[in-house]
């Protein structure tokens, strides 16, 4: 027999948590069927629900990161245009 802890994928955990949210009265049945402790299911639910906000709005840090990327992309575009204009007015002279 294998010793040690079992590991579960995020997809499996999500499936079990959503199933338990859909029918909270059968949490014990789900735990028996899946050979899980009720405490484990409660922890998964807490973790799932605490991160649910990120699915719709993301964190403030994530929004700031995306705004920063957008600002830098605009800057790169502006510099590319300026570079092409400068190349037109200053012909290349090999040395």
PDB file of N, CA and C in Angstrom:
ATOM      1  N   UNK A   1       0.835  -1.186   0.000  1.00  0.00           N
ATOM      2  CA  UNK A   1       0.000   0.000   0.000  1.00  0.00           C
ATOM      3  C   UNK A   1       0.874   1.241   0.000  1.00  0.00           C
ATOM      4  N   UNK A   2       0.474   2.238  -0.764  1.00  0.00           N
ATOM      5  CA  UNK A   2       1.219   3.487  -0.829  1.00  0.00           C
ATOM      6  C   UNK A   2       1.067   4.267   0.457  1.00  0.00           C
ATOM      7  N   UNK A   3       2.152   4.848   0.881  1.00  0.00           N
ATOM      8  CA  UNK A   3       2.065   5.715   2.049  1.00  0.00           C
ATOM      9  C   UNK A   3       2.228   7.159   1.602  1.00  0.00           C
ATOM     10  N   UNK A   4       1.784   8.079   2.425  1.00  0.00           N
ATOM     11  CA  UNK A   4       1.922   9.484   2.088  1.00  0.00           C
ATOM     12  C   UNK A   4       0.591  10.095   1.725  1.00  0.00           C
ATOM     13  N   UNK A   5       0.665  11.330   1.373  1.00  0.00           N
ATOM     14  CA  UNK A   5      -0.538  12.090   1.049  1.00  0.00           C
ATOM     15  C   UNK A   5      -0.928  11.905  -0.405  1.00  0.00           C
ATOM     16  N   UNK A   6      -2.211  12.019  -0.642  1.00  0.00           N
ATOM     17  CA  UNK A   6      -2.701  12.028  -2.014  1.00  0.00           C
ATOM     18  C   UNK A   6      -2.647  13.465  -2.514  1.00  0.00           C
ATOM     19  N   UNK A   7      -2.457  13.615  -3.789  1.00  0.00           N
ATOM     20  CA  UNK A   7      -2.488  14.955  -4.374  1.00  0.00           C
ATOM     21  C   UNK A   7      -3.644  15.016  -5.363  1.00  0.00           C
ATOM     22  N   UNK A   8      -4.257  16.174  -5.447  1.00  0.00           N
ATOM     23  CA  UNK A   8      -5.421  16.351  -6.301  1.00  0.00           C
ATOM     24  C   UNK A   8      -5.180  17.531  -7.232  1.00  0.00           C
ATOM     25  N   UNK A   9      -5.661  17.398  -8.444  1.00  0.00           N
ATOM     26  CA  UNK A   9      -5.507  18.496  -9.415  1.00  0.00           C
ATOM     27  C   UNK A   9      -6.487  19.611  -9.089  1.00  0.00           C
ATOM     28  N   UNK A  10      -6.200  20.774  -9.617  1.00  0.00           N
ATOM     29  CA  UNK A  10      -7.083  21.926  -9.413  1.00  0.00           C
ATOM     30  C   UNK A  10      -8.448  21.669 -10.047  1.00  0.00           C
ATOM     31  N   UNK A  11      -8.461  20.993 -11.185  1.00  0.00           N
ATOM     32  CA  UNK A  11      -9.728  20.699 -11.851  1.00  0.00           C
ATOM     33  C   UNK A  11     -10.589  19.773 -10.996  1.00  0.00           C
ATOM     34  N   UNK A  12      -9.975  18.785 -10.388  1.00  0.00           N
ATOM     35  CA  UNK A  12     -10.699  17.852  -9.517  1.00  0.00           C
ATOM     36  C   UNK A  12     -11.275  18.597  -8.310  1.00  0.00           C
ATOM     37  N   UNK A  13     -10.454  19.418  -7.677  1.00  0.00           N
ATOM     38  CA  UNK A  13     -10.911  20.175  -6.509  1.00  0.00           C
ATOM     39  C   UNK A  13     -12.081  21.078  -6.879  1.00  0.00           C
ATOM     40  N   UNK A  14     -11.965  21.757  -8.015  1.00  0.00           N
ATOM     41  CA  UNK A  14     -13.026  22.653  -8.469  1.00  0.00           C
ATOM     42  C   UNK A  14     -14.318  21.884  -8.699  1.00  0.00           C
ATOM     43  N   UNK A  15     -14.209  20.730  -9.331  1.00  0.00           N
ATOM     44  CA  UNK A  15     -15.386  19.909  -9.591  1.00  0.00           C
ATOM     45  C   UNK A  15     -16.072  19.502  -8.286  1.00  0.00           C
ATOM     46  N   UNK A  16     -15.306  19.060  -7.321  1.00  0.00           N
ATOM     47  CA  UNK A  16     -15.858  18.615  -6.043  1.00  0.00           C
ATOM     48  C   UNK A  16     -16.486  19.784  -5.293  1.00  0.00           C
ATOM     49  N   UNK A  17     -15.806  20.922  -5.270  1.00  0.00           N
ATOM     50  CA  UNK A  17     -16.332  22.093  -4.555  1.00  0.00           C
ATOM     51  C   UNK A  17     -17.630  22.573  -5.198  1.00  0.00           C
ATOM     52  N   UNK A  18     -17.666  22.662  -6.518  1.00  0.00           N
ATOM     53  CA  UNK A  18     -18.881  23.101  -7.191  1.00  0.00           C
ATOM     54  C   UNK A  18     -20.030  22.122  -6.951  1.00  0.00           C
ATOM     55  N   UNK A  19     -19.714  20.848  -6.932  1.00  0.00           N
ATOM     56  CA  UNK A  19     -20.741  19.848  -6.639  1.00  0.00           C
ATOM     57  C   UNK A  19     -21.276  20.021  -5.220  1.00  0.00           C
ATOM     58  N   UNK A  20     -20.391  20.309  -4.270  1.00  0.00           N
ATOM     59  CA  UNK A  20     -20.829  20.471  -2.883  1.00  0.00           C
ATOM     60  C   UNK A  20     -21.597  21.774  -2.681  1.00  0.00           C
ATOM     61  N   UNK A  21     -21.260  22.812  -3.443  1.00  0.00           N
ATOM     62  CA  UNK A  21     -21.997  24.068  -3.346  1.00  0.00           C
ATOM     63  C   UNK A  21     -23.392  23.887  -3.932  1.00  0.00           C
ATOM     64  N   UNK A  22     -23.490  23.123  -4.994  1.00  0.00           N
ATOM     65  CA  UNK A  22     -24.774  22.880  -5.630  1.00  0.00           C
ATOM     66  C   UNK A  22     -25.741  22.112  -4.754  1.00  0.00           C
ATOM     67  N   UNK A  23     -25.216  21.250  -3.904  1.00  0.00           N
ATOM     68  CA  UNK A  23     -26.078  20.473  -3.001  1.00  0.00           C
ATOM     69  C   UNK A  23     -25.396  20.351  -1.638  1.00  0.00           C
ATOM     70  N   UNK A  24     -25.495  21.395  -0.817  1.00  0.00           N
ATOM     71  CA  UNK A  24     -24.779  21.402   0.460  1.00  0.00           C
ATOM     72  C   UNK A  24     -25.223  20.299   1.419  1.00  0.00           C
ATOM     73  N   UNK A  25     -26.425  19.794   1.269  1.00  0.00           N
ATOM     74  CA  UNK A  25     -26.886  18.754   2.188  1.00  0.00           C
ATOM     75  C   UNK A  25     -26.170  17.427   1.947  1.00  0.00           C
ATOM     76  N   UNK A  26     -25.571  17.264   0.767  1.00  0.00           N
ATOM     77  CA  UNK A  26     -24.918  15.993   0.466  1.00  0.00           C
ATOM     78  C   UNK A  26     -23.400  16.055   0.580  1.00  0.00           C
ATOM     79  N   UNK A  27     -22.876  17.002   1.335  1.00  0.00           N
ATOM     80  CA  UNK A  27     -21.428  17.103   1.492  1.00  0.00           C
ATOM     81  C   UNK A  27     -20.848  15.828   2.084  1.00  0.00           C
ATOM     82  N   UNK A  28     -21.554  15.250   3.037  1.00  0.00           N
ATOM     83  CA  UNK A  28     -21.065  14.019   3.658  1.00  0.00           C
ATOM     84  C   UNK A  28     -21.044  12.890   2.634  1.00  0.00           C
ATOM     85  N   UNK A  29     -22.057  12.835   1.782  1.00  0.00           N
ATOM     86  CA  UNK A  29     -22.094  11.790   0.755  1.00  0.00           C
ATOM     87  C   UNK A  29     -20.931  11.954  -0.217  1.00  0.00           C
ATOM     88  N   UNK A  30     -20.670  13.197  -0.604  1.00  0.00           N
ATOM     89  CA  UNK A  30     -19.565  13.465  -1.523  1.00  0.00           C
ATOM     90  C   UNK A  30     -18.244  13.036  -0.888  1.00  0.00           C
ATOM     91  N   UNK A  31     -18.059  13.376   0.375  1.00  0.00           N
ATOM     92  CA  UNK A  31     -16.816  13.020   1.070  1.00  0.00           C
ATOM     93  C   UNK A  31     -16.652  11.513   1.167  1.00  0.00           C
ATOM     94  N   UNK A  32     -17.723  10.800   1.459  1.00  0.00           N
ATOM     95  CA  UNK A  32     -17.639   9.333   1.530  1.00  0.00           C
ATOM     96  C   UNK A  32     -17.306   8.747   0.165  1.00  0.00           C
ATOM     97  N   UNK A  33     -18.004   9.230  -0.868  1.00  0.00           N
ATOM     98  CA  UNK A  33     -17.797   8.710  -2.217  1.00  0.00           C
ATOM     99  C   UNK A  33     -16.372   8.948  -2.698  1.00  0.00           C
ATOM    100  N   UNK A  34     -15.829  10.140  -2.395  1.00  0.00           N
ATOM    101  CA  UNK A  34     -14.503  10.516  -2.891  1.00  0.00           C
ATOM    102  C   UNK A  34     -13.382  10.204  -1.897  1.00  0.00           C
ATOM    103  N   UNK A  35     -13.727   9.608  -0.760  1.00  0.00           N
ATOM    104  CA  UNK A  35     -12.764   9.269   0.297  1.00  0.00           C
ATOM    105  C   UNK A  35     -12.003  10.506   0.778  1.00  0.00           C
ATOM    106  N   UNK A  36     -12.770  11.549   1.065  1.00  0.00           N
ATOM    107  CA  UNK A  36     -12.202  12.802   1.569  1.00  0.00           C
ATOM    108  C   UNK A  36     -12.732  13.049   2.971  1.00  0.00           C
ATOM    109  N   UNK A  37     -11.983  13.829   3.725  1.00  0.00           N
ATOM    110  CA  UNK A  37     -12.507  14.242   5.026  1.00  0.00           C
ATOM    111  C   UNK A  37     -13.356  15.486   4.824  1.00  0.00           C
ATOM    112  N   UNK A  38     -14.300  15.678   5.713  1.00  0.00           N
ATOM    113  CA  UNK A  38     -15.158  16.856   5.637  1.00  0.00           C
ATOM    114  C   UNK A  38     -14.333  18.125   5.819  1.00  0.00           C
ATOM    115  N   UNK A  39     -13.304  18.052   6.647  1.00  0.00           N
ATOM    116  CA  UNK A  39     -12.424  19.205   6.875  1.00  0.00           C
ATOM    117  C   UNK A  39     -11.684  19.591   5.585  1.00  0.00           C
ATOM    118  N   UNK A  40     -11.246  18.605   4.828  1.00  0.00           N
ATOM    119  CA  UNK A  40     -10.560  18.883   3.561  1.00  0.00           C
ATOM    120  C   UNK A  40     -11.500  19.604   2.604  1.00  0.00           C
ATOM    121  N   UNK A  41     -12.729  19.117   2.510  1.00  0.00           N
ATOM    122  CA  UNK A  41     -13.707  19.762   1.638  1.00  0.00           C
ATOM    123  C   UNK A  41     -13.987  21.187   2.086  1.00  0.00           C
ATOM    124  N   UNK A  42     -14.078  21.406   3.383  1.00  0.00           N
ATOM    125  CA  UNK A  42     -14.306  22.762   3.897  1.00  0.00           C
ATOM    126  C   UNK A  42     -13.142  23.684   3.538  1.00  0.00           C
ATOM    127  N   UNK A  43     -11.924  23.187   3.650  1.00  0.00           N
ATOM    128  CA  UNK A  43     -10.744  23.998   3.299  1.00  0.00           C
ATOM    129  C   UNK A  43     -10.758  24.344   1.812  1.00  0.00           C
ATOM    130  N   UNK A  44     -11.083  23.367   0.976  1.00  0.00           N
ATOM    131  CA  UNK A  44     -11.145  23.617  -0.463  1.00  0.00           C
ATOM    132  C   UNK A  44     -12.210  24.660  -0.775  1.00  0.00           C
ATOM    133  N   UNK A  45     -13.370  24.564  -0.108  1.00  0.00           N
ATOM    134  CA  UNK A  45     -14.445  25.531  -0.334  1.00  0.00           C
ATOM    135  C   UNK A  45     -14.018  26.932   0.070  1.00  0.00           C
ATOM    136  N   UNK A  46     -13.386  27.053   1.232  1.00  0.00           N
ATOM    137  CA  UNK A  46     -12.918  28.364   1.697  1.00  0.00           C
ATOM    138  C   UNK A  46     -11.921  28.953   0.719  1.00  0.00           C
ATOM    139  N   UNK A  47     -10.985  28.133   0.263  1.00  0.00           N
ATOM    140  CA  UNK A  47      -9.972  28.597  -0.679  1.00  0.00           C
ATOM    141  C   UNK A  47     -10.633  29.016  -2.001  1.00  0.00           C
ATOM    142  N   UNK A  48     -11.577  28.227  -2.461  1.00  0.00           N
ATOM    143  CA  UNK A  48     -12.279  28.518  -3.714  1.00  0.00           C
ATOM    144  C   UNK A  48     -13.051  29.823  -3.616  1.00  0.00           C
ATOM    145  N   UNK A  49     -13.805  29.986  -2.545  1.00  0.00           N
ATOM    146  CA  UNK A  49     -14.631  31.179  -2.392  1.00  0.00           C
ATOM    147  C   UNK A  49     -13.801  32.431  -2.137  1.00  0.00           C
ATOM    148  N   UNK A  50     -12.672  32.296  -1.444  1.00  0.00           N
ATOM    149  CA  UNK A  50     -11.839  33.472  -1.195  1.00  0.00           C
ATOM    150  C   UNK A  50     -11.148  33.961  -2.469  1.00  0.00           C
ATOM    151  N   UNK A  51     -10.971  33.069  -3.444  1.00  0.00           N
ATOM    152  CA  UNK A  51     -10.336  33.464  -4.704  1.00  0.00           C
ATOM    153  C   UNK A  51     -11.342  33.725  -5.820  1.00  0.00           C
ATOM    154  N   UNK A  52     -12.626  33.632  -5.520  1.00  0.00           N
ATOM    155  CA  UNK A  52     -13.652  33.816  -6.543  1.00  0.00           C
ATOM    156  C   UNK A  52     -13.667  35.248  -7.081  1.00  0.00           C
ATOM    157  N   UNK A  53     -13.330  36.220  -6.259  1.00  0.00           N
ATOM    158  CA  UNK A  53     -13.326  37.616  -6.689  1.00  0.00           C
ATOM    159  C   UNK A  53     -12.339  37.824  -7.835  1.00  0.00           C
ATOM    160  N   UNK A  54     -11.224  37.139  -7.782  1.00  0.00           N
ATOM    161  CA  UNK A  54     -10.201  37.291  -8.819  1.00  0.00           C
ATOM    162  C   UNK A  54     -10.706  36.844 -10.183  1.00  0.00           C
ATOM    163  N   UNK A  55     -11.673  35.954 -10.212  1.00  0.00           N
ATOM    164  CA  UNK A  55     -12.179  35.462 -11.491  1.00  0.00           C
ATOM    165  C   UNK A  55     -12.914  36.555 -12.261  1.00  0.00           C
ATOM    166  N   UNK A  56     -13.530  37.501 -11.562  1.00  0.00           N
ATOM    167  CA  UNK A  56     -14.314  38.519 -12.235  1.00  0.00           C
ATOM    168  C   UNK A  56     -13.626  39.869 -12.310  1.00  0.00           C
ATOM    169  N   UNK A  57     -12.858  40.229 -11.302  1.00  0.00           N
ATOM    170  CA  UNK A  57     -12.280  41.553 -11.325  1.00  0.00           C
ATOM    171  C   UNK A  57     -10.773  41.546 -11.215  1.00  0.00           C
ATOM    172  N   UNK A  58     -10.232  40.501 -10.721  1.00  0.00           N
ATOM    173  CA  UNK A  58      -8.806  40.460 -10.509  1.00  0.00           C
ATOM    174  C   UNK A  58      -8.413  41.335  -9.328  1.00  0.00           C
ATOM    175  N   UNK A  59      -7.231  41.210  -8.913  1.00  0.00           N
ATOM    176  CA  UNK A  59      -6.757  42.006  -7.789  1.00  0.00           C
ATOM    177  C   UNK A  59      -6.306  43.377  -8.269  1.00  0.00           C
ATOM    178  N   UNK A  60      -6.141  44.288  -7.364  1.00  0.00           N
ATOM    179  CA  UNK A  60      -5.683  45.641  -7.705  1.00  0.00           C
ATOM    180  C   UNK A  60      -4.281  45.586  -8.308  1.00  0.00           C
ATOM    181  N   UNK A  61      -3.442  44.709  -7.758  1.00  0.00           N
ATOM    182  CA  UNK A  61      -2.080  44.585  -8.281  1.00  0.00           C
ATOM    183  C   UNK A  61      -2.108  44.102  -9.728  1.00  0.00           C
ATOM    184  N   UNK A  62      -3.010  43.171 -10.040  1.00  0.00           N
ATOM    185  CA  UNK A  62      -3.127  42.664 -11.405  1.00  0.00           C
ATOM    186  C   UNK A  62      -3.583  43.772 -12.344  1.00  0.00           C
ATOM    187  N   UNK A  63      -4.534  44.583 -11.915  1.00  0.00           N
ATOM    188  CA  UNK A  63      -5.014  45.691 -12.746  1.00  0.00           C
ATOM    189  C   UNK A  63      -3.905  46.704 -12.989  1.00  0.00           C
ATOM    190  N   UNK A  64      -3.138  47.021 -11.948  1.00  0.00           N
ATOM    191  CA  UNK A  64      -2.030  47.957 -12.106  1.00  0.00           C
ATOM    192  C   UNK A  64      -0.988  47.402 -13.067  1.00  0.00           C
ATOM    193  N   UNK A  65      -0.742  46.105 -12.980  1.00  0.00           N
ATOM    194  CA  UNK A  65       0.224  45.451 -13.868  1.00  0.00           C
ATOM    195  C   UNK A  65      -0.249  45.550 -15.322  1.00  0.00           C
ATOM    196  N   UNK A  66      -1.525  45.289 -15.565  1.00  0.00           N
ATOM    197  CA  UNK A  66      -2.065  45.366 -16.916  1.00  0.00           C
ATOM    198  C   UNK A  66      -2.038  46.796 -17.447  1.00  0.00           C
ATOM    199  N   UNK A  67      -2.318  47.781 -16.588  1.00  0.00           N
ATOM    200  CA  UNK A  67      -2.254  49.184 -17.002  1.00  0.00           C
ATOM    201  C   UNK A  67      -0.824  49.571 -17.358  1.00  0.00           C
ATOM    202  N   UNK A  68       0.124  49.082 -16.587  1.00  0.00           N
ATOM    203  CA  UNK A  68       1.535  49.363 -16.847  1.00  0.00           C
ATOM    204  C   UNK A  68       1.955  48.773 -18.193  1.00  0.00           C
ATOM    205  N   UNK A  69       1.530  47.557 -18.463  1.00  0.00           N
ATOM    206  CA  UNK A  69       1.854  46.919 -19.737  1.00  0.00           C
ATOM    207  C   UNK A  69       1.250  47.722 -20.893  1.00  0.00           C
ATOM    208  N   UNK A  70      -0.001  48.144 -20.749  1.00  0.00           N
ATOM    209  CA  UNK A  70      -0.648  48.926 -21.805  1.00  0.00           C
ATOM    210  C   UNK A  70       0.094  50.239 -22.050  1.00  0.00           C
ATOM    211  N   UNK A  71       0.515  50.908 -20.957  1.00  0.00           N
ATOM    212  CA  UNK A  71       1.250  52.165 -21.091  1.00  0.00           C
ATOM    213  C   UNK A  71       2.574  51.929 -21.811  1.00  0.00           C
ATOM    214  N   UNK A  72       3.278  50.856 -21.465  1.00  0.00           N
ATOM    215  CA  UNK A  72       4.556  50.560 -22.116  1.00  0.00           C
ATOM    216  C   UNK A  72       4.371  50.188 -23.583  1.00  0.00           C
ATOM    217  N   UNK A  73       3.290  49.481 -23.899  1.00  0.00           N
ATOM    218  CA  UNK A  73       3.023  49.144 -25.299  1.00  0.00           C
ATOM    219  C   UNK A  73       2.746  50.398 -26.115  1.00  0.00           C
ATOM    220  N   UNK A  74       2.017  51.348 -25.538  1.00  0.00           N
ATOM    221  CA  UNK A  74       1.774  52.619 -26.239  1.00  0.00           C
ATOM    222  C   UNK A  74       3.086  53.356 -26.464  1.00  0.00           C
ATOM    223  N   UNK A  75       3.962  53.350 -25.469  1.00  0.00           N
ATOM    224  CA  UNK A  75       5.253  54.016 -25.579  1.00  0.00           C
ATOM    225  C   UNK A  75       6.104  53.375 -26.672  1.00  0.00           C
ATOM    226  N   UNK A  76       6.110  52.050 -26.735  1.00  0.00           N
ATOM    227  CA  UNK A  76       6.866  51.360 -27.783  1.00  0.00           C
ATOM    228  C   UNK A  76       6.321  51.740 -29.154  1.00  0.00           C
ATOM    229  N   UNK A  77       4.997  51.801 -29.286  1.00  0.00           N
ATOM    230  CA  UNK A  77       4.397  52.197 -30.564  1.00  0.00           C
ATOM    231  C   UNK A  77       4.789  53.608 -30.958  1.00  0.00           C
ATOM    232  N   UNK A  78       4.756  54.523 -29.987  1.00  0.00           N
ATOM    233  CA  UNK A  78       5.126  55.908 -30.259  1.00  0.00           C
ATOM    234  C   UNK A  78       6.594  56.002 -30.676  1.00  0.00           C
ATOM    235  N   UNK A  79       7.464  55.298 -29.981  1.00  0.00           N
ATOM    236  CA  UNK A  79       8.887  55.334 -30.315  1.00  0.00           C
ATOM    237  C   UNK A  79       9.161  54.700 -31.677  1.00  0.00           C
ATOM    238  N   UNK A  80       8.412  53.684 -32.032  1.00  0.00           N
ATOM    239  CA  UNK A  80       8.570  53.058 -33.351  1.00  0.00           C
ATOM    240  C   UNK A  80       8.219  54.048 -34.454  1.00  0.00           C
ATOM    241  N   UNK A  81       7.137  54.782 -34.258  1.00  0.00           N
ATOM    242  CA  UNK A  81       6.735  55.785 -35.260  1.00  0.00           C
ATOM    243  C   UNK A  81       7.786  56.880 -35.358  1.00  0.00           C
ATOM    244  N   UNK A  82       8.255  57.387 -34.216  1.00  0.00           N
ATOM    245  CA  UNK A  82       9.280  58.428 -34.221  1.00  0.00           C
ATOM    246  C   UNK A  82      10.550  57.936 -34.900  1.00  0.00           C
ATOM    247  N   UNK A  83      10.915  56.688 -34.657  1.00  0.00           N
ATOM    248  CA  UNK A  83      12.118  56.112 -35.250  1.00  0.00           C
ATOM    249  C   UNK A  83      11.997  56.045 -36.770  1.00  0.00           C
ATOM    250  N   UNK A  84      10.827  55.628 -37.236  1.00  0.00           N
ATOM    251  CA  UNK A  84      10.656  55.537 -38.693  1.00  0.00           C
ATOM    252  C   UNK A  84      10.668  56.926 -39.338  1.00  0.00           C
ATOM    253  N   UNK A  85      10.123  57.924 -38.657  1.00  0.00           N
ATOM    254  CA  UNK A  85      10.149  59.300 -39.188  1.00  0.00           C
ATOM    255  C   UNK A  85      11.586  59.810 -39.243  1.00  0.00           C
ATOM    256  N   UNK A  86      12.340  59.570 -38.193  1.00  0.00           N
ATOM    257  CA  UNK A  86      13.731  60.032 -38.174  1.00  0.00           C
ATOM    258  C   UNK A  86      14.573  59.344 -39.244  1.00  0.00           C
ATOM    259  N   UNK A  87      14.286  58.099 -39.533  1.00  0.00           N
ATOM    260  CA  UNK A  87      15.031  57.389 -40.572  1.00  0.00           C
ATOM    261  C   UNK A  87      14.769  57.999 -41.948  1.00  0.00           C
ATOM    262  N   UNK A  88      13.560  58.512 -42.158  1.00  0.00           N
ATOM    263  CA  UNK A  88      13.222  59.105 -43.457  1.00  0.00           C
ATOM    264  C   UNK A  88      13.972  60.412 -43.671  1.00  0.00           C
ATOM    265  N   UNK A  89      14.167  61.189 -42.618  1.00  0.00           N
ATOM    266  CA  UNK A  89      14.817  62.484 -42.765  1.00  0.00           C
ATOM    267  C   UNK A  89      16.326  62.430 -42.621  1.00  0.00           C
ATOM    268  N   UNK A  90      16.848  61.356 -42.122  1.00  0.00           N
ATOM    269  CA  UNK A  90      18.308  61.202 -41.975  1.00  0.00           C
ATOM    270  C   UNK A  90      18.722  59.939 -42.690  1.00  0.00           C
ATOM    271  N   UNK A  91      19.136  60.083 -43.930  1.00  0.00           N
ATOM    272  CA  UNK A  91      19.486  58.876 -44.715  1.00  0.00           C
ATOM    273  C   UNK A  91      20.702  58.166 -44.093  1.00  0.00           C
ATOM    274  N   UNK A  92      20.716  56.899 -44.304  1.00  0.00           N
ATOM    275  CA  UNK A  92      21.803  56.075 -43.789  1.00  0.00           C
ATOM    276  C   UNK A  92      23.069  56.356 -44.580  1.00  0.00           C
ATOM    277  N   UNK A  93      24.172  56.641 -43.861  1.00  0.00           N
ATOM    278  CA  UNK A  93      25.457  56.898 -44.516  1.00  0.00           C
ATOM    279  C   UNK A  93      26.470  55.881 -44.021  1.00  0.00           C
ATOM    280  N   UNK A  94      26.868  54.937 -44.867  1.00  0.00           N
ATOM    281  CA  UNK A  94      27.870  53.969 -44.440  1.00  0.00           C
ATOM    282  C   UNK A  94      29.224  54.635 -44.247  1.00  0.00           C
ATOM    283  N   UNK A  95      29.971  54.169 -43.293  1.00  0.00           N
ATOM    284  CA  UNK A  95      31.283  54.775 -43.014  1.00  0.00           C
ATOM    285  C   UNK A  95      32.400  53.996 -43.598  1.00  0.00           C
TER     286      UNK A  95
END
